[in-house]
C-alpha atoms as a PDB file:
ATOM      1  CA  UNK A   1     -11.002  49.935 -25.518  1.00  0.00           C
ATOM      2  CA  UNK A   2     -11.427  51.206 -21.976  1.00  0.00           C
ATOM      3  CA  UNK A   3     -15.164  51.888 -22.130  1.00  0.00           C
ATOM      4  CA  UNK A   4     -16.646  51.636 -18.644  1.00  0.00           C
ATOM      5  CA  UNK A   5     -13.373  50.443 -17.128  1.00  0.00           C
ATOM      6  CA  UNK A   6     -12.296  52.053 -13.847  1.00  0.00           C
ATOM      7  CA  UNK A   7      -8.728  53.305 -13.608  1.00  0.00           C
ATOM      8  CA  UNK A   8      -6.676  54.903 -10.848  1.00  0.00           C
ATOM      9  CA  UNK A   9      -3.683  56.945 -11.973  1.00  0.00           C
ATOM     10  CA  UNK A  10      -1.304  58.214  -9.318  1.00  0.00           C
ATOM     11  CA  UNK A  11       0.487  61.491  -9.925  1.00  0.00           C
ATOM     12  CA  UNK A  12      -2.192  62.401 -12.477  1.00  0.00           C
ATOM     13  CA  UNK A  13      -2.190  66.093 -11.669  1.00  0.00           C
ATOM     14  CA  UNK A  14       0.657  66.782 -14.105  1.00  0.00           C
ATOM     15  CA  UNK A  15       3.080  65.292 -16.602  1.00  0.00           C
ATOM     16  CA  UNK A  16       2.844  61.659 -17.670  1.00  0.00           C
ATOM     17  CA  UNK A  17       0.060  60.916 -15.188  1.00  0.00           C
ATOM     18  CA  UNK A  18      -2.117  63.735 -16.490  1.00  0.00           C
ATOM     19  CA  UNK A  19      -1.536  62.639 -20.081  1.00  0.00           C
ATOM     20  CA  UNK A  20      -2.483  59.053 -19.139  1.00  0.00           C
ATOM     21  CA  UNK A  21      -5.656  60.261 -17.421  1.00  0.00           C
ATOM     22  CA  UNK A  22      -6.690  62.274 -20.471  1.00  0.00           C
ATOM     23  CA  UNK A  23      -6.075  59.351 -22.849  1.00  0.00           C
ATOM     24  CA  UNK A  24      -7.852  56.845 -20.586  1.00  0.00           C
ATOM     25  CA  UNK A  25     -10.874  59.157 -20.275  1.00  0.00           C
ATOM     26  CA  UNK A  26     -10.872  59.676 -24.039  1.00  0.00           C
ATOM     27  CA  UNK A  27     -11.050  55.877 -24.415  1.00  0.00           C
ATOM     28  CA  UNK A  28     -14.113  55.778 -22.130  1.00  0.00           C
ATOM     29  CA  UNK A  29     -12.597  54.924 -18.749  1.00  0.00           C
ATOM     30  CA  UNK A  30     -13.843  56.303 -15.463  1.00  0.00           C
ATOM     31  CA  UNK A  31     -10.676  57.872 -14.088  1.00  0.00           C
ATOM     32  CA  UNK A  32      -9.555  58.501 -10.538  1.00  0.00           C
ATOM     33  CA  UNK A  33      -6.964  61.253 -10.356  1.00  0.00           C
ATOM     34  CA  UNK A  34      -4.871  60.349  -7.308  1.00  0.00           C
ATOM     35  CA  UNK A  35      -2.469  63.172  -6.497  1.00  0.00           C
ATOM     36  CA  UNK A  36      -1.106  65.032  -3.497  1.00  0.00           C
ATOM     37  CA  UNK A  37      -1.478  68.513  -5.007  1.00  0.00           C
ATOM     38  CA  UNK A  38      -5.184  69.282  -4.745  1.00  0.00           C
ATOM     39  CA  UNK A  39      -5.116  72.161  -7.206  1.00  0.00           C
ATOM     40  CA  UNK A  40      -3.487  70.154 -10.008  1.00  0.00           C
ATOM     41  CA  UNK A  41      -5.509  67.006  -9.347  1.00  0.00           C
ATOM     42  CA  UNK A  42      -8.855  68.769  -9.248  1.00  0.00           C
ATOM     43  CA  UNK A  43      -7.962  70.756 -12.356  1.00  0.00           C
ATOM     44  CA  UNK A  44      -7.230  67.527 -14.253  1.00  0.00           C
ATOM     45  CA  UNK A  45     -10.502  65.932 -13.103  1.00  0.00           C
ATOM     46  CA  UNK A  46     -12.463  69.082 -14.000  1.00  0.00           C
ATOM     47  CA  UNK A  47     -10.920  69.219 -17.486  1.00  0.00           C
ATOM     48  CA  UNK A  48     -11.788  65.563 -18.135  1.00  0.00           C
ATOM     49  CA  UNK A  49     -15.368  66.080 -16.946  1.00  0.00           C
ATOM     50  CA  UNK A  50     -15.719  69.254 -19.041  1.00  0.00           C
ATOM     51  CA  UNK A  51     -14.592  67.286 -22.109  1.00  0.00           C
ATOM     52  CA  UNK A  52     -17.361  64.736 -21.537  1.00  0.00           C
ATOM     53  CA  UNK A  53     -15.356  62.162 -19.595  1.00  0.00           C
ATOM     54  CA  UNK A  54     -15.878  60.920 -16.077  1.00  0.00           C
ATOM     55  CA  UNK A  55     -13.256  61.611 -13.420  1.00  0.00           C
ATOM     56  CA  UNK A  56     -12.885  62.308  -9.732  1.00  0.00           C
ATOM     57  CA  UNK A  57      -9.967  63.686  -7.771  1.00  0.00           C
ATOM     58  CA  UNK A  58      -8.749  61.871  -4.658  1.00  0.00           C
ATOM     59  CA  UNK A  59      -6.087  63.406  -2.439  1.00  0.00           C
ATOM     60  CA  UNK A  60      -3.328  60.810  -2.159  1.00  0.00           C
ATOM     61  CA  UNK A  61       0.259  60.925  -0.990  1.00  0.00           C
ATOM     62  CA  UNK A  62       1.604  57.651  -2.401  1.00  0.00           C
ATOM     63  CA  UNK A  63       4.263  57.546   0.324  1.00  0.00           C
ATOM     64  CA  UNK A  64       1.425  56.812   2.773  1.00  0.00           C
ATOM     65  CA  UNK A  65      -0.005  53.276   2.748  1.00  0.00           C
ATOM     66  CA  UNK A  66      -3.124  54.673   4.377  1.00  0.00           C
ATOM     67  CA  UNK A  67      -3.628  57.253   1.613  1.00  0.00           C
ATOM     68  CA  UNK A  68      -3.173  54.624  -1.096  1.00  0.00           C
ATOM     69  CA  UNK A  69      -5.598  52.220   0.605  1.00  0.00           C
ATOM     70  CA  UNK A  70      -8.110  55.054   1.048  1.00  0.00           C
ATOM     71  CA  UNK A  71      -7.819  56.053  -2.632  1.00  0.00           C
ATOM     72  CA  UNK A  72      -8.523  52.473  -3.728  1.00  0.00           C
ATOM     73  CA  UNK A  73     -11.441  52.201  -1.288  1.00  0.00           C
ATOM     74  CA  UNK A  74     -12.930  55.490  -2.519  1.00  0.00           C
ATOM     75  CA  UNK A  75     -12.574  54.299  -6.116  1.00  0.00           C
ATOM     76  CA  UNK A  76     -14.475  51.093  -5.389  1.00  0.00           C
ATOM     77  CA  UNK A  77     -17.118  52.979  -3.424  1.00  0.00           C
ATOM     78  CA  UNK A  78     -17.602  55.575  -6.184  1.00  0.00           C
ATOM     79  CA  UNK A  79     -17.340  53.429  -9.309  1.00  0.00           C
ATOM     80  CA  UNK A  80     -18.064  49.909  -8.036  1.00  0.00           C
ATOM     81  CA  UNK A  81     -14.703  48.328  -8.803  1.00  0.00           C
ATOM     82  CA  UNK A  82     -11.202  48.700 -10.208  1.00  0.00           C
ATOM     83  CA  UNK A  83      -9.863  47.488 -13.561  1.00  0.00           C
ATOM     84  CA  UNK A  84      -6.626  49.416 -14.087  1.00  0.00           C
ATOM     85  CA  UNK A  85      -4.016  50.746 -11.661  1.00  0.00           C
ATOM     86  CA  UNK A  86      -1.304  53.043 -12.987  1.00  0.00           C
ATOM     87  CA  UNK A  87       1.455  53.597 -10.430  1.00  0.00           C
ATOM     88  CA  UNK A  88       2.996  56.713 -11.910  1.00  0.00           C
ATOM     89  CA  UNK A  89       3.722  59.166  -9.086  1.00  0.00           C
ATOM     90  CA  UNK A  90       7.408  59.698  -8.346  1.00  0.00           C
ATOM     91  CA  UNK A  91       9.864  62.283  -7.104  1.00  0.00           C
ATOM     92  CA  UNK A  92      13.363  63.147  -8.291  1.00  0.00           C
ATOM     93  CA  UNK A  93      16.092  64.482  -6.009  1.00  0.00           C
ATOM     94  CA  UNK A  94      19.780  64.541  -6.873  1.00  0.00           C
ATOM     95  CA  UNK A  95      22.723  64.025  -4.563  1.00  0.00           C
ATOM     96  CA  UNK A  96      26.069  62.317  -4.814  1.00  0.00           C
ATOM     97  CA  UNK A  97      26.174  59.242  -2.535  1.00  0.00           C
ATOM     98  CA  UNK A  98      28.835  60.654  -0.205  1.00  0.00           C
ATOM     99  CA  UNK A  99      26.668  63.752   0.305  1.00  0.00           C
ATOM    100  CA  UNK A 100      23.275  62.026   0.496  1.00  0.00           C
ATOM    101  CA  UNK A 101      21.485  61.864   3.822  1.00  0.00           C
ATOM    102  CA  UNK A 102      19.750  58.730   4.994  1.00  0.00           C
ATOM    103  CA  UNK A 103      16.568  60.797   5.124  1.00  0.00           C
ATOM    104  CA  UNK A 104      16.838  61.605   1.413  1.00  0.00           C
ATOM    105  CA  UNK A 105      17.600  57.960   0.518  1.00  0.00           C
ATOM    106  CA  UNK A 106      14.569  56.761   2.495  1.00  0.00           C
ATOM    107  CA  UNK A 107      12.347  59.439   0.968  1.00  0.00           C
ATOM    108  CA  UNK A 108      13.349  58.333  -2.545  1.00  0.00           C
ATOM    109  CA  UNK A 109      12.727  54.654  -1.748  1.00  0.00           C
ATOM    110  CA  UNK A 110       9.366  55.364  -0.108  1.00  0.00           C
ATOM    111  CA  UNK A 111       8.069  57.659  -2.859  1.00  0.00           C
ATOM    112  CA  UNK A 112       9.452  55.738  -5.840  1.00  0.00           C
ATOM    113  CA  UNK A 113       9.428  52.063  -4.792  1.00  0.00           C
ATOM    114  CA  UNK A 114       7.404  51.416  -1.634  1.00  0.00           C
ATOM    115  CA  UNK A 115       4.589  53.518  -3.095  1.00  0.00           C
ATOM    116  CA  UNK A 116       4.339  51.115  -6.051  1.00  0.00           C
ATOM    117  CA  UNK A 117       4.180  48.169  -3.650  1.00  0.00           C
ATOM    118  CA  UNK A 118       1.332  49.919  -1.796  1.00  0.00           C
ATOM    119  CA  UNK A 119      -0.568  50.557  -5.039  1.00  0.00           C
ATOM    120  CA  UNK A 120      -0.009  47.047  -6.397  1.00  0.00           C
ATOM    121  CA  UNK A 121      -1.022  45.393  -3.144  1.00  0.00           C
ATOM    122  CA  UNK A 122      -4.242  47.379  -2.751  1.00  0.00           C
ATOM    123  CA  UNK A 123      -5.201  47.045  -6.422  1.00  0.00           C
ATOM    124  CA  UNK A 124      -4.507  43.302  -6.396  1.00  0.00           C
ATOM    125  CA  UNK A 125      -6.741  42.789  -3.360  1.00  0.00           C
ATOM    126  CA  UNK A 126      -9.670  44.361  -5.223  1.00  0.00           C
ATOM    127  CA  UNK A 127      -8.947  42.712  -8.573  1.00  0.00           C
ATOM    128  CA  UNK A 128      -8.572  39.257  -7.038  1.00  0.00           C
ATOM    129  CA  UNK A 129     -11.847  39.662  -5.147  1.00  0.00           C
ATOM    130  CA  UNK A 130     -13.656  40.803  -8.328  1.00  0.00           C
ATOM    131  CA  UNK A 131     -12.394  37.726 -10.216  1.00  0.00           C
ATOM    132  CA  UNK A 132     -12.435  39.517 -13.585  1.00  0.00           C
ATOM    133  CA  UNK A 133      -8.737  40.191 -14.083  1.00  0.00           C
ATOM    134  CA  UNK A 134      -7.253  43.612 -14.542  1.00  0.00           C
ATOM    135  CA  UNK A 135      -4.182  45.555 -15.512  1.00  0.00           C
ATOM    136  CA  UNK A 136      -1.497  47.119 -13.341  1.00  0.00           C
ATOM    137  CA  UNK A 137       0.972  49.460 -15.008  1.00  0.00           C
ATOM    138  CA  UNK A 138       4.075  50.578 -13.131  1.00  0.00           C
ATOM    139  CA  UNK A 139       5.993  53.552 -14.472  1.00  0.00           C
ATOM    140  CA  UNK A 140       9.754  53.141 -14.159  1.00  0.00           C
ATOM    141  CA  UNK A 141      12.396  55.182 -15.977  1.00  0.00           C
ATOM    142  CA  UNK A 142      15.246  54.753 -18.425  1.00  0.00           C
ATOM    143  CA  UNK A 143      17.385  55.698 -15.429  1.00  0.00           C
ATOM    144  CA  UNK A 144      16.902  52.171 -14.088  1.00  0.00           C
ATOM    145  CA  UNK A 145      19.301  51.158 -16.888  1.00  0.00           C
ATOM    146  CA  UNK A 146      21.311  54.297 -17.693  1.00  0.00           C
ATOM    147  CA  UNK A 147      21.699  56.832 -14.915  1.00  0.00           C
ATOM    148  CA  UNK A 148      23.455  60.138 -14.250  1.00  0.00           C
ATOM    149  CA  UNK A 149      25.719  61.540 -11.529  1.00  0.00           C
ATOM    150  CA  UNK A 150      23.627  62.275  -8.462  1.00  0.00           C
ATOM    151  CA  UNK A 151      20.890  59.871  -9.531  1.00  0.00           C
ATOM    152  CA  UNK A 152      21.805  56.785  -7.527  1.00  0.00           C
ATOM    153  CA  UNK A 153      18.752  56.801  -5.244  1.00  0.00           C
ATOM    154  CA  UNK A 154      16.331  57.401  -8.114  1.00  0.00           C
ATOM    155  CA  UNK A 155      18.024  54.755 -10.289  1.00  0.00           C
ATOM    156  CA  UNK A 156      18.048  52.222  -7.434  1.00  0.00           C
ATOM    157  CA  UNK A 157      14.345  52.748  -6.754  1.00  0.00           C
ATOM    158  CA  UNK A 158      13.425  52.436 -10.432  1.00  0.00           C
ATOM    159  CA  UNK A 159      15.643  49.370 -10.868  1.00  0.00           C
ATOM    160  CA  UNK A 160      13.932  47.825  -7.859  1.00  0.00           C
ATOM    161  CA  UNK A 161      10.548  48.719  -9.331  1.00  0.00           C
ATOM    162  CA  UNK A 162      11.408  46.835 -12.526  1.00  0.00           C
ATOM    163  CA  UNK A 163      12.524  43.719 -10.619  1.00  0.00           C
ATOM    164  CA  UNK A 164       9.424  43.909  -8.406  1.00  0.00           C
ATOM    165  CA  UNK A 165       7.154  44.248 -11.461  1.00  0.00           C
ATOM    166  CA  UNK A 166       8.607  41.122 -13.102  1.00  0.00           C
ATOM    167  CA  UNK A 167       7.950  39.011 -10.025  1.00  0.00           C
ATOM    168  CA  UNK A 168       4.528  40.527  -9.379  1.00  0.00           C
ATOM    169  CA  UNK A 169       3.571  39.758 -12.998  1.00  0.00           C
ATOM    170  CA  UNK A 170       4.392  36.081 -12.381  1.00  0.00           C
ATOM    171  CA  UNK A 171       2.258  36.097  -9.234  1.00  0.00           C
ATOM    172  CA  UNK A 172      -0.773  37.792 -10.808  1.00  0.00           C
ATOM    173  CA  UNK A 173      -0.727  36.237 -14.290  1.00  0.00           C
ATOM    174  CA  UNK A 174      -2.574  33.060 -13.264  1.00  0.00           C
ATOM    175  CA  UNK A 175      -5.453  35.272 -12.072  1.00  0.00           C
ATOM    176  CA  UNK A 176      -5.778  37.208 -15.330  1.00  0.00           C
ATOM    177  CA  UNK A 177      -4.139  40.331 -13.936  1.00  0.00           C
ATOM    178  CA  UNK A 178      -1.511  41.762 -16.261  1.00  0.00           C
ATOM    179  CA  UNK A 179       1.415  43.622 -14.722  1.00  0.00           C
ATOM    180  CA  UNK A 180       3.524  45.758 -17.029  1.00  0.00           C
ATOM    181  CA  UNK A 181       6.343  48.179 -16.402  1.00  0.00           C
ATOM    182  CA  UNK A 182       7.072  51.111 -18.704  1.00  0.00           C
ATOM    183  CA  UNK A 183      10.358  53.020 -18.708  1.00  0.00           C
ATOM    184  CA  UNK A 184       9.946  56.458 -20.303  1.00  0.00           C
ATOM    185  CA  UNK A 185      12.784  58.914 -20.747  1.00  0.00           C
ATOM    186  CA  UNK A 186      12.980  62.620 -20.039  1.00  0.00           C
END
């Protein structure tokens, strides 16, 4: 189903992102492993290539708009386009609100919500220019609906991601770009 499609998956050096990358490659996609840990990201790309798939690793800290834009640009330069963007990378830090620093709050919002905006914006620019549609998948969490003590910043970012995804889907739908949001649990 993904034969010859080009997909970027953020946070694909481990966990859900790595599993997505392996499945996408198994379905025939050319996969860009966008991760900030070079060792994990390169290992994932190497494993996909060794199994007969096609993947490259791109160093990308999703908290940096410049890194996200560069990862999308490198994808287009290497594979000639972009069909699927999976905004998966996230961080989890716990702190009760009365003990949470502004720095921690901002870090959680940047890594878990602003990063998705960066990825969606850059992917949409390419997909709209290509005029062939596409798919953007944002990974939220069950914690957007049911949280835990110390999880307010994470839950707020994921709740915001879900609201953002609904609106972005309305904006992109007329152009044949699907926007979906998945909420896995631990």
